[in-house]
Structures are given as structure tokens and as C-alpha cells.
Amino acid sequence: MDPTLPDAPGGTIELDITTSEGIDMIGDEDSIALVLNRLKRAHGQLAGVIGMIENGRDCKDVVTQLAAVSRALDKAGFKIVATGLRECMTGESADGKEPMSEAELEKLFLALA
């Protein structure tokens, strides 16, 4: 996935993510930017954790940083689910498709729990 996504007509960017259920993730520019920033931050933190382990750093420091990575990933996932909830509540999705059903949203939420 190219982290520098071009703007799409109507002020939305389509993020080419498909879940195992075949649901495409669509979101507004701000939501996608937040998710990408959180994932990039987690990516950098994870690289730091790997380096810490390779350099024999203290277990407590490694676990503290690993917990930060986990929280960053959780926040990104919850933002994705929140976007789906917003679309479901308004009855509109950014791309004009039917929003996810309550069962689909519940399944995504439980995958993060």
C-alpha cells in the first residue's frame, strides 16, 4: 500500500483494504490520515523494540515499548471501526455503497477485543 494516497473526487480517499469477509474499508481523508499516522508510529515503535531486543536491552524497557506498540495498533483498529459505525449510523458510506451491518461491525469490534 502506498502511504501517499492521492485525493479522490469528493474529498475522500479510498483505502484498498479488504477484510476476510470481503468488506472494503472506505473513510474520509481525516480518518484515513489518523489511521495511517498511528500505523506508521506503531511501525517505528516496533522497529525500535526489535532493535532493543537485538541490543540486549532490559526486559522492562522492551515490554514498556511493546505495550506502546500494542496501544497504537489498538487505536488504529478502533478508529477504523468507529468510521464504520459513523457510516452505519448515518446510512451513508463515503463511496456510496451500503454501510456495514450491525453484525459486521460487531465482528470487527470483537476482533480487536
C-alpha atoms as a PDB file:
ATOM      1  CA  MET A   1       0.000   0.000   0.000  1.00  0.00           C
ATOM      2  CA  ASP A   2       1.331   3.396  -0.956  1.00  0.00           C
ATOM      3  CA  PRO A   3       1.280   5.657   2.141  1.00  0.00           C
ATOM      4  CA  THR A   4       0.954   8.765  -0.063  1.00  0.00           C
ATOM      5  CA  LEU A   5      -2.536   8.328  -1.423  1.00  0.00           C
ATOM      6  CA  PRO A   6      -3.874  10.792  -3.994  1.00  0.00           C
ATOM      7  CA  ASP A   7      -7.049  12.725  -3.253  1.00  0.00           C
ATOM      8  CA  ALA A   8     -10.161  11.228  -4.759  1.00  0.00           C
ATOM      9  CA  PRO A   9     -13.132  13.252  -6.048  1.00  0.00           C
ATOM     10  CA  GLY A  10     -15.468  14.443  -3.322  1.00  0.00           C
ATOM     11  CA  GLY A  11     -12.784  14.835  -0.651  1.00  0.00           C
ATOM     12  CA  THR A  12     -12.432  11.147   0.164  1.00  0.00           C
ATOM     13  CA  ILE A  13      -9.604   8.731  -0.289  1.00  0.00           C
ATOM     14  CA  GLU A  14     -10.276   5.073  -0.915  1.00  0.00           C
ATOM     15  CA  LEU A  15      -8.032   2.833   1.141  1.00  0.00           C
ATOM     16  CA  ASP A  16      -7.652  -0.534  -0.540  1.00  0.00           C
ATOM     17  CA  ILE A  17      -8.159  -2.782   2.482  1.00  0.00           C
ATOM     18  CA  THR A  18     -10.436  -5.787   2.270  1.00  0.00           C
ATOM     19  CA  THR A  19     -11.329  -7.818   5.350  1.00  0.00           C
ATOM     20  CA  SER A  20     -11.664 -11.592   5.293  1.00  0.00           C
ATOM     21  CA  GLU A  21     -15.423 -11.027   4.904  1.00  0.00           C
ATOM     22  CA  GLY A  22     -14.803  -9.037   1.704  1.00  0.00           C
ATOM     23  CA  ILE A  23     -15.685  -5.627   3.163  1.00  0.00           C
ATOM     24  CA  ASP A  24     -13.749  -2.706   1.666  1.00  0.00           C
ATOM     25  CA  MET A  25     -12.626  -0.007   4.072  1.00  0.00           C
ATOM     26  CA  ILE A  26     -13.607   3.449   2.941  1.00  0.00           C
ATOM     27  CA  GLY A  27     -13.185   6.554   5.020  1.00  0.00           C
ATOM     28  CA  ASP A  28     -12.877  10.265   4.850  1.00  0.00           C
ATOM     29  CA  GLU A  29      -9.481  11.899   4.439  1.00  0.00           C
ATOM     30  CA  ASP A  30      -9.117  12.813   8.114  1.00  0.00           C
ATOM     31  CA  SER A  31      -9.963   9.323   9.385  1.00  0.00           C
ATOM     32  CA  ILE A  32      -7.582   7.663   6.956  1.00  0.00           C
ATOM     33  CA  ALA A  33      -4.813  10.132   7.809  1.00  0.00           C
ATOM     34  CA  LEU A  34      -5.240   9.382  11.524  1.00  0.00           C
ATOM     35  CA  VAL A  35      -5.157   5.624  10.944  1.00  0.00           C
ATOM     36  CA  LEU A  36      -2.094   5.860   8.704  1.00  0.00           C
ATOM     37  CA  ASN A  37      -0.274   8.082  11.210  1.00  0.00           C
ATOM     38  CA  ARG A  38      -0.994   5.658  14.036  1.00  0.00           C
ATOM     39  CA  LEU A  39       0.147   2.691  11.965  1.00  0.00           C
ATOM     40  CA  LYS A  40       3.336   4.483  10.903  1.00  0.00           C
ATOM     41  CA  ARG A  41       4.041   5.355  14.547  1.00  0.00           C
ATOM     42  CA  ALA A  42       3.479   1.728  15.567  1.00  0.00           C
ATOM     43  CA  HIS A  43       5.752   0.598  12.733  1.00  0.00           C
ATOM     44  CA  GLY A  44       8.546   2.838  14.007  1.00  0.00           C
ATOM     45  CA  GLN A  45       7.992   1.743  17.597  1.00  0.00           C
ATOM     46  CA  LEU A  46       8.102  -1.917  16.590  1.00  0.00           C
ATOM     47  CA  ALA A  47      11.380  -1.374  14.742  1.00  0.00           C
ATOM     48  CA  GLY A  48      12.678   0.202  17.955  1.00  0.00           C
ATOM     49  CA  VAL A  49      11.564  -2.795  20.013  1.00  0.00           C
ATOM     50  CA  ILE A  50      13.327  -5.175  17.618  1.00  0.00           C
ATOM     51  CA  GLY A  51      16.484  -3.088  17.920  1.00  0.00           C
ATOM     52  CA  MET A  52      16.202  -3.105  21.708  1.00  0.00           C
ATOM     53  CA  ILE A  53      15.978  -6.899  21.756  1.00  0.00           C
ATOM     54  CA  GLU A  54      18.880  -7.259  19.326  1.00  0.00           C
ATOM     55  CA  ASN A  55      20.965  -4.964  21.545  1.00  0.00           C
ATOM     56  CA  GLY A  56      20.127  -6.879  24.727  1.00  0.00           C
ATOM     57  CA  ARG A  57      18.161  -4.079  26.400  1.00  0.00           C
ATOM     58  CA  ASP A  58      16.471  -4.527  29.754  1.00  0.00           C
ATOM     59  CA  CYS A  59      13.282  -6.637  29.737  1.00  0.00           C
ATOM     60  CA  LYS A  60      11.243  -3.916  31.462  1.00  0.00           C
ATOM     61  CA  ASP A  61      12.177  -1.348  28.792  1.00  0.00           C
ATOM     62  CA  VAL A  62      11.345  -3.776  25.982  1.00  0.00           C
ATOM     63  CA  VAL A  63       7.955  -4.679  27.443  1.00  0.00           C
ATOM     64  CA  THR A  64       7.118  -0.997  28.046  1.00  0.00           C
ATOM     65  CA  GLN A  65       7.811  -0.177  24.396  1.00  0.00           C
ATOM     66  CA  LEU A  66       5.980  -3.287  23.194  1.00  0.00           C
ATOM     67  CA  ALA A  67       2.922  -2.159  25.176  1.00  0.00           C
ATOM     68  CA  ALA A  68       3.107   1.219  23.398  1.00  0.00           C
ATOM     69  CA  VAL A  69       3.102  -0.574  20.024  1.00  0.00           C
ATOM     70  CA  SER A  70       0.079  -2.600  21.086  1.00  0.00           C
ATOM     71  CA  ARG A  71      -1.829   0.534  22.155  1.00  0.00           C
ATOM     72  CA  ALA A  72      -1.011   2.277  18.873  1.00  0.00           C
ATOM     73  CA  LEU A  73      -2.338  -0.693  16.891  1.00  0.00           C
ATOM     74  CA  ASP A  74      -5.469  -0.856  19.051  1.00  0.00           C
ATOM     75  CA  LYS A  75      -6.149   2.844  18.489  1.00  0.00           C
ATOM     76  CA  ALA A  76      -5.796   2.417  14.724  1.00  0.00           C
ATOM     77  CA  GLY A  77      -8.193  -0.536  14.761  1.00  0.00           C
ATOM     78  CA  PHE A  78     -10.737   1.284  16.904  1.00  0.00           C
ATOM     79  CA  LYS A  79     -10.603   4.297  14.569  1.00  0.00           C
ATOM     80  CA  ILE A  80     -11.386   2.011  11.632  1.00  0.00           C
ATOM     81  CA  VAL A  81     -14.352   0.510  13.499  1.00  0.00           C
ATOM     82  CA  ALA A  82     -15.532   3.988  14.595  1.00  0.00           C
ATOM     83  CA  THR A  83     -15.557   5.106  10.959  1.00  0.00           C
ATOM     84  CA  GLY A  84     -17.719   2.097  10.113  1.00  0.00           C
ATOM     85  CA  LEU A  85     -20.070   2.923  12.992  1.00  0.00           C
ATOM     86  CA  ARG A  86     -20.420   6.516  11.823  1.00  0.00           C
ATOM     87  CA  GLU A  87     -21.299   5.338   8.315  1.00  0.00           C
ATOM     88  CA  CYS A  88     -23.763   2.832   9.723  1.00  0.00           C
ATOM     89  CA  MET A  89     -25.489   5.461  11.881  1.00  0.00           C
ATOM     90  CA  THR A  90     -25.826   7.974   9.051  1.00  0.00           C
ATOM     91  CA  GLY A  91     -26.759   5.323   6.499  1.00  0.00           C
ATOM     92  CA  GLU A  92     -24.133   6.678   4.114  1.00  0.00           C
ATOM     93  CA  SER A  93     -20.674   5.500   3.211  1.00  0.00           C
ATOM     94  CA  ALA A  94     -18.030   7.641   1.568  1.00  0.00           C
ATOM     95  CA  ASP A  95     -18.192   5.607  -1.639  1.00  0.00           C
ATOM     96  CA  GLY A  96     -21.983   5.316  -1.894  1.00  0.00           C
ATOM     97  CA  LYS A  97     -22.045   1.601  -1.009  1.00  0.00           C
ATOM     98  CA  GLU A  98     -24.267   0.185   1.700  1.00  0.00           C
ATOM     99  CA  PRO A  99     -22.682   0.706   5.138  1.00  0.00           C
ATOM    100  CA  MET A 100     -21.637  -2.327   7.158  1.00  0.00           C
ATOM    101  CA  SER A 101     -24.365  -4.153   9.018  1.00  0.00           C
ATOM    102  CA  GLU A 102     -24.516  -4.255  12.801  1.00  0.00           C
ATOM    103  CA  ALA A 103     -23.309  -7.876  12.721  1.00  0.00           C
ATOM    104  CA  GLU A 104     -20.326  -6.963  10.542  1.00  0.00           C
ATOM    105  CA  LEU A 105     -19.396  -4.074  12.846  1.00  0.00           C
ATOM    106  CA  GLU A 106     -19.742  -6.276  15.914  1.00  0.00           C
ATOM    107  CA  LYS A 107     -17.483  -8.880  14.343  1.00  0.00           C
ATOM    108  CA  LEU A 108     -14.823  -6.250  13.580  1.00  0.00           C
ATOM    109  CA  PHE A 109     -15.064  -4.794  17.084  1.00  0.00           C
ATOM    110  CA  LEU A 110     -14.723  -8.219  18.698  1.00  0.00           C
ATOM    111  CA  ALA A 111     -11.676  -8.961  16.562  1.00  0.00           C
ATOM    112  CA  LEU A 112      -9.931  -6.086  18.397  1.00  0.00           C
ATOM    113  CA  ALA A 113     -11.144  -7.057  21.877  1.00  0.00           C
END
